[in-house]
Amino acid sequence: MCKPLNACHTSREVESYLAHKGATKVGQCGSHAKWRAPAGALVIIPCHAGDLHRGTLQSIIKMIAIAGLSAFLAACYIAATVPHL
């Protein structure tokens, strides 16, 4: 079972999500991995230790939405941008 994207915290979790959705890793330049969606769009994931920053995760979600990998990304994006009280 794949973890929902808005619950991902590390680059490995995001990469696991992409692989689950059918994307393939096409290369890596330094600390950034390049993933290609089935539709051909490119998604860049930073491969740093520890958790991704909230803004970085939001940017990745936008790239994935453009790549067309999930119909539920709009809801994930909204959930990721709502401040937690």
N, C-alpha and C. Protein backbone atom coordinates (compact mmCIF):
# COMPACT_ATOMS: atom_id res chain seq x y z
N MET A 1 0.85 -1.19 0.00
CA MET A 1 0.00 0.00 0.00
C MET A 1 0.88 1.23 0.00
N CYS A 2 0.52 2.18 -0.81
CA CYS A 2 1.29 3.41 -0.94
C CYS A 2 0.76 4.47 0.01
N LYS A 3 1.68 5.17 0.64
CA LYS A 3 1.32 6.26 1.55
C LYS A 3 0.77 7.44 0.73
N PRO A 4 -0.28 8.12 1.18
CA PRO A 4 -0.79 9.30 0.45
C PRO A 4 0.31 10.35 0.32
N LEU A 5 0.31 11.04 -0.80
CA LEU A 5 1.39 11.99 -1.07
C LEU A 5 1.48 13.10 -0.03
N ASN A 6 0.33 13.57 0.48
CA ASN A 6 0.39 14.66 1.45
C ASN A 6 0.88 14.18 2.81
N ALA A 7 1.05 12.86 3.00
CA ALA A 7 1.59 12.33 4.24
C ALA A 7 3.08 11.98 4.10
N CYS A 8 3.63 12.11 2.89
CA CYS A 8 5.03 11.82 2.66
C CYS A 8 5.90 12.91 3.28
N HIS A 9 7.04 12.49 3.79
CA HIS A 9 7.93 13.45 4.42
C HIS A 9 9.35 13.39 3.84
N THR A 10 9.77 12.24 3.36
CA THR A 10 11.13 12.11 2.84
C THR A 10 11.10 11.91 1.33
N SER A 11 12.24 12.12 0.70
CA SER A 11 12.32 11.94 -0.75
C SER A 11 12.07 10.48 -1.13
N ARG A 12 12.48 9.55 -0.30
CA ARG A 12 12.24 8.12 -0.59
C ARG A 12 10.75 7.81 -0.61
N GLU A 13 10.00 8.41 0.28
CA GLU A 13 8.54 8.20 0.30
C GLU A 13 7.89 8.77 -0.96
N VAL A 14 8.36 9.93 -1.39
CA VAL A 14 7.82 10.53 -2.62
C VAL A 14 8.19 9.67 -3.82
N GLU A 15 9.44 9.17 -3.86
CA GLU A 15 9.85 8.30 -4.96
C GLU A 15 9.05 7.01 -4.97
N SER A 16 8.73 6.48 -3.80
CA SER A 16 7.90 5.28 -3.70
C SER A 16 6.51 5.55 -4.27
N TYR A 17 5.97 6.74 -3.98
CA TYR A 17 4.66 7.14 -4.51
C TYR A 17 4.72 7.20 -6.03
N LEU A 18 5.77 7.82 -6.57
CA LEU A 18 5.90 7.94 -8.03
C LEU A 18 6.00 6.57 -8.69
N ALA A 19 6.79 5.68 -8.11
CA ALA A 19 6.92 4.33 -8.66
C ALA A 19 5.58 3.60 -8.63
N HIS A 20 4.85 3.78 -7.55
CA HIS A 20 3.53 3.14 -7.41
C HIS A 20 2.57 3.65 -8.48
N LYS A 21 2.71 4.91 -8.88
CA LYS A 21 1.82 5.51 -9.89
C LYS A 21 2.29 5.26 -11.32
N GLY A 22 3.38 4.52 -11.49
CA GLY A 22 3.82 4.15 -12.83
C GLY A 22 4.93 4.99 -13.42
N ALA A 23 5.48 5.92 -12.66
CA ALA A 23 6.59 6.73 -13.15
C ALA A 23 7.88 5.92 -13.09
N THR A 24 8.85 6.28 -13.92
CA THR A 24 10.13 5.59 -13.93
C THR A 24 11.25 6.59 -13.69
N LYS A 25 12.25 6.16 -12.95
CA LYS A 25 13.41 7.02 -12.68
C LYS A 25 14.30 6.99 -13.92
N VAL A 26 14.57 8.17 -14.48
CA VAL A 26 15.34 8.23 -15.72
C VAL A 26 16.76 8.73 -15.51
N GLY A 27 17.07 9.19 -14.33
CA GLY A 27 18.43 9.64 -14.07
C GLY A 27 18.54 10.45 -12.80
N GLN A 28 19.78 10.80 -12.51
CA GLN A 28 20.02 11.61 -11.33
C GLN A 28 21.23 12.49 -11.61
N CYS A 29 21.11 13.76 -11.26
CA CYS A 29 22.20 14.70 -11.43
C CYS A 29 22.48 15.30 -10.05
N GLY A 30 23.57 14.92 -9.45
CA GLY A 30 23.87 15.38 -8.10
C GLY A 30 22.86 14.82 -7.12
N SER A 31 22.18 15.71 -6.40
CA SER A 31 21.23 15.25 -5.38
C SER A 31 19.78 15.36 -5.84
N HIS A 32 19.54 15.43 -7.15
CA HIS A 32 18.18 15.54 -7.67
C HIS A 32 17.90 14.41 -8.65
N ALA A 33 16.86 13.63 -8.36
CA ALA A 33 16.46 12.52 -9.22
C ALA A 33 15.42 12.99 -10.22
N LYS A 34 15.48 12.46 -11.43
CA LYS A 34 14.53 12.80 -12.49
C LYS A 34 13.62 11.59 -12.72
N TRP A 35 12.32 11.82 -12.60
CA TRP A 35 11.32 10.77 -12.81
C TRP A 35 10.44 11.17 -13.99
N ARG A 36 10.13 10.21 -14.85
CA ARG A 36 9.26 10.47 -16.00
C ARG A 36 7.93 9.78 -15.78
N ALA A 37 6.86 10.58 -15.89
CA ALA A 37 5.50 10.06 -15.76
C ALA A 37 5.13 9.29 -17.02
N PRO A 38 4.13 8.41 -16.94
CA PRO A 38 3.70 7.67 -18.13
C PRO A 38 3.31 8.59 -19.29
N ALA A 39 2.79 9.78 -19.00
CA ALA A 39 2.40 10.73 -20.04
C ALA A 39 3.60 11.47 -20.63
N GLY A 40 4.79 11.31 -20.03
CA GLY A 40 6.00 11.92 -20.55
C GLY A 40 6.51 13.12 -19.79
N ALA A 41 5.74 13.65 -18.85
CA ALA A 41 6.18 14.81 -18.08
C ALA A 41 7.30 14.43 -17.11
N LEU A 42 8.18 15.38 -16.83
CA LEU A 42 9.32 15.14 -15.96
C LEU A 42 9.04 15.72 -14.57
N VAL A 43 9.38 14.95 -13.54
CA VAL A 43 9.23 15.38 -12.15
C VAL A 43 10.61 15.27 -11.49
N ILE A 44 11.05 16.35 -10.87
CA ILE A 44 12.36 16.40 -10.21
C ILE A 44 12.17 16.27 -8.71
N ILE A 45 12.90 15.35 -8.09
CA ILE A 45 12.81 15.11 -6.64
C ILE A 45 14.18 15.32 -6.02
N PRO A 46 14.30 16.22 -5.03
CA PRO A 46 15.58 16.36 -4.33
C PRO A 46 15.81 15.17 -3.41
N CYS A 47 17.01 14.62 -3.45
CA CYS A 47 17.32 13.44 -2.64
C CYS A 47 18.23 13.82 -1.49
N HIS A 48 17.68 14.55 -0.54
CA HIS A 48 18.42 15.00 0.63
C HIS A 48 18.03 14.14 1.83
N ALA A 49 18.90 14.07 2.81
CA ALA A 49 18.58 13.33 4.03
C ALA A 49 17.52 14.09 4.83
N GLY A 50 16.69 13.35 5.52
CA GLY A 50 15.68 13.97 6.37
C GLY A 50 14.41 14.33 5.62
N ASP A 51 13.56 15.06 6.30
CA ASP A 51 12.26 15.43 5.74
C ASP A 51 12.38 16.55 4.71
N LEU A 52 11.48 16.51 3.73
CA LEU A 52 11.39 17.59 2.76
C LEU A 52 10.70 18.78 3.41
N HIS A 53 11.10 19.98 3.02
CA HIS A 53 10.42 21.17 3.52
C HIS A 53 9.02 21.23 2.92
N ARG A 54 8.11 21.85 3.62
CA ARG A 54 6.71 21.95 3.17
C ARG A 54 6.60 22.57 1.78
N GLY A 55 7.33 23.65 1.52
CA GLY A 55 7.29 24.31 0.22
C GLY A 55 7.82 23.42 -0.90
N THR A 56 8.85 22.64 -0.59
CA THR A 56 9.41 21.71 -1.56
C THR A 56 8.38 20.63 -1.91
N LEU A 57 7.70 20.09 -0.89
CA LEU A 57 6.67 19.09 -1.13
C LEU A 57 5.53 19.66 -1.95
N GLN A 58 5.14 20.90 -1.68
CA GLN A 58 4.08 21.55 -2.46
C GLN A 58 4.50 21.68 -3.92
N SER A 59 5.75 22.03 -4.17
CA SER A 59 6.25 22.16 -5.53
C SER A 59 6.24 20.81 -6.25
N ILE A 60 6.63 19.76 -5.54
CA ILE A 60 6.61 18.40 -6.11
C ILE A 60 5.18 18.00 -6.45
N ILE A 61 4.25 18.31 -5.56
CA ILE A 61 2.84 17.99 -5.81
C ILE A 61 2.35 18.70 -7.07
N LYS A 62 2.75 19.95 -7.25
CA LYS A 62 2.36 20.69 -8.46
C LYS A 62 2.92 20.02 -9.71
N MET A 63 4.21 19.60 -9.66
CA MET A 63 4.82 18.93 -10.80
C MET A 63 4.09 17.63 -11.11
N ILE A 64 3.72 16.88 -10.07
CA ILE A 64 3.02 15.62 -10.27
C ILE A 64 1.63 15.86 -10.86
N ALA A 65 0.98 16.93 -10.41
CA ALA A 65 -0.34 17.26 -10.96
C ALA A 65 -0.23 17.59 -12.45
N ILE A 66 0.80 18.33 -12.83
CA ILE A 66 1.03 18.66 -14.23
C ILE A 66 1.31 17.38 -15.02
N ALA A 67 2.03 16.45 -14.40
CA ALA A 67 2.33 15.18 -15.05
C ALA A 67 1.10 14.29 -15.20
N GLY A 68 0.03 14.61 -14.46
CA GLY A 68 -1.22 13.86 -14.58
C GLY A 68 -1.19 12.49 -13.93
N LEU A 69 -0.46 12.33 -12.83
CA LEU A 69 -0.34 11.02 -12.21
C LEU A 69 -1.49 10.65 -11.28
N SER A 70 -2.28 11.61 -10.84
CA SER A 70 -3.35 11.27 -9.91
C SER A 70 -4.48 12.29 -9.98
N ALA A 71 -5.70 11.80 -9.90
CA ALA A 71 -6.86 12.69 -9.90
C ALA A 71 -7.09 13.30 -8.53
N PHE A 72 -6.44 12.78 -7.52
CA PHE A 72 -6.66 13.24 -6.14
C PHE A 72 -5.64 14.26 -5.68
N LEU A 73 -4.76 14.70 -6.55
CA LEU A 73 -3.70 15.61 -6.11
C LEU A 73 -4.20 16.97 -5.68
N ALA A 74 -5.28 17.43 -6.25
CA ALA A 74 -5.81 18.74 -5.82
C ALA A 74 -6.16 18.69 -4.35
N ALA A 75 -6.80 17.61 -3.91
CA ALA A 75 -7.14 17.45 -2.49
C ALA A 75 -5.88 17.34 -1.65
N CYS A 76 -4.88 16.63 -2.14
CA CYS A 76 -3.62 16.50 -1.40
C CYS A 76 -2.93 17.85 -1.28
N TYR A 77 -2.97 18.64 -2.35
CA TYR A 77 -2.33 19.95 -2.33
C TYR A 77 -3.02 20.86 -1.31
N ILE A 78 -4.33 20.83 -1.29
CA ILE A 78 -5.08 21.65 -0.33
C ILE A 78 -4.75 21.21 1.09
N ALA A 79 -4.71 19.90 1.32
CA ALA A 79 -4.39 19.38 2.66
C ALA A 79 -2.99 19.77 3.08
N ALA A 80 -2.06 19.82 2.13
CA ALA A 80 -0.67 20.15 2.45
C ALA A 80 -0.49 21.64 2.71
N THR A 81 -1.39 22.48 2.17
CA THR A 81 -1.21 23.92 2.33
C THR A 81 -1.99 24.51 3.51
N VAL A 82 -2.92 23.76 4.05
CA VAL A 82 -3.68 24.26 5.20
C VAL A 82 -2.77 24.27 6.43
N PRO A 83 -2.62 25.39 7.08
CA PRO A 83 -1.76 25.43 8.27
C PRO A 83 -2.35 24.59 9.41
N HIS A 84 -1.48 23.84 10.05
CA HIS A 84 -1.91 23.01 11.18
C HIS A 84 -1.93 23.85 12.44
N LEU A 85 -3.03 23.80 13.16
CA LEU A 85 -3.13 24.58 14.40
C LEU A 85 -2.79 23.76 15.61
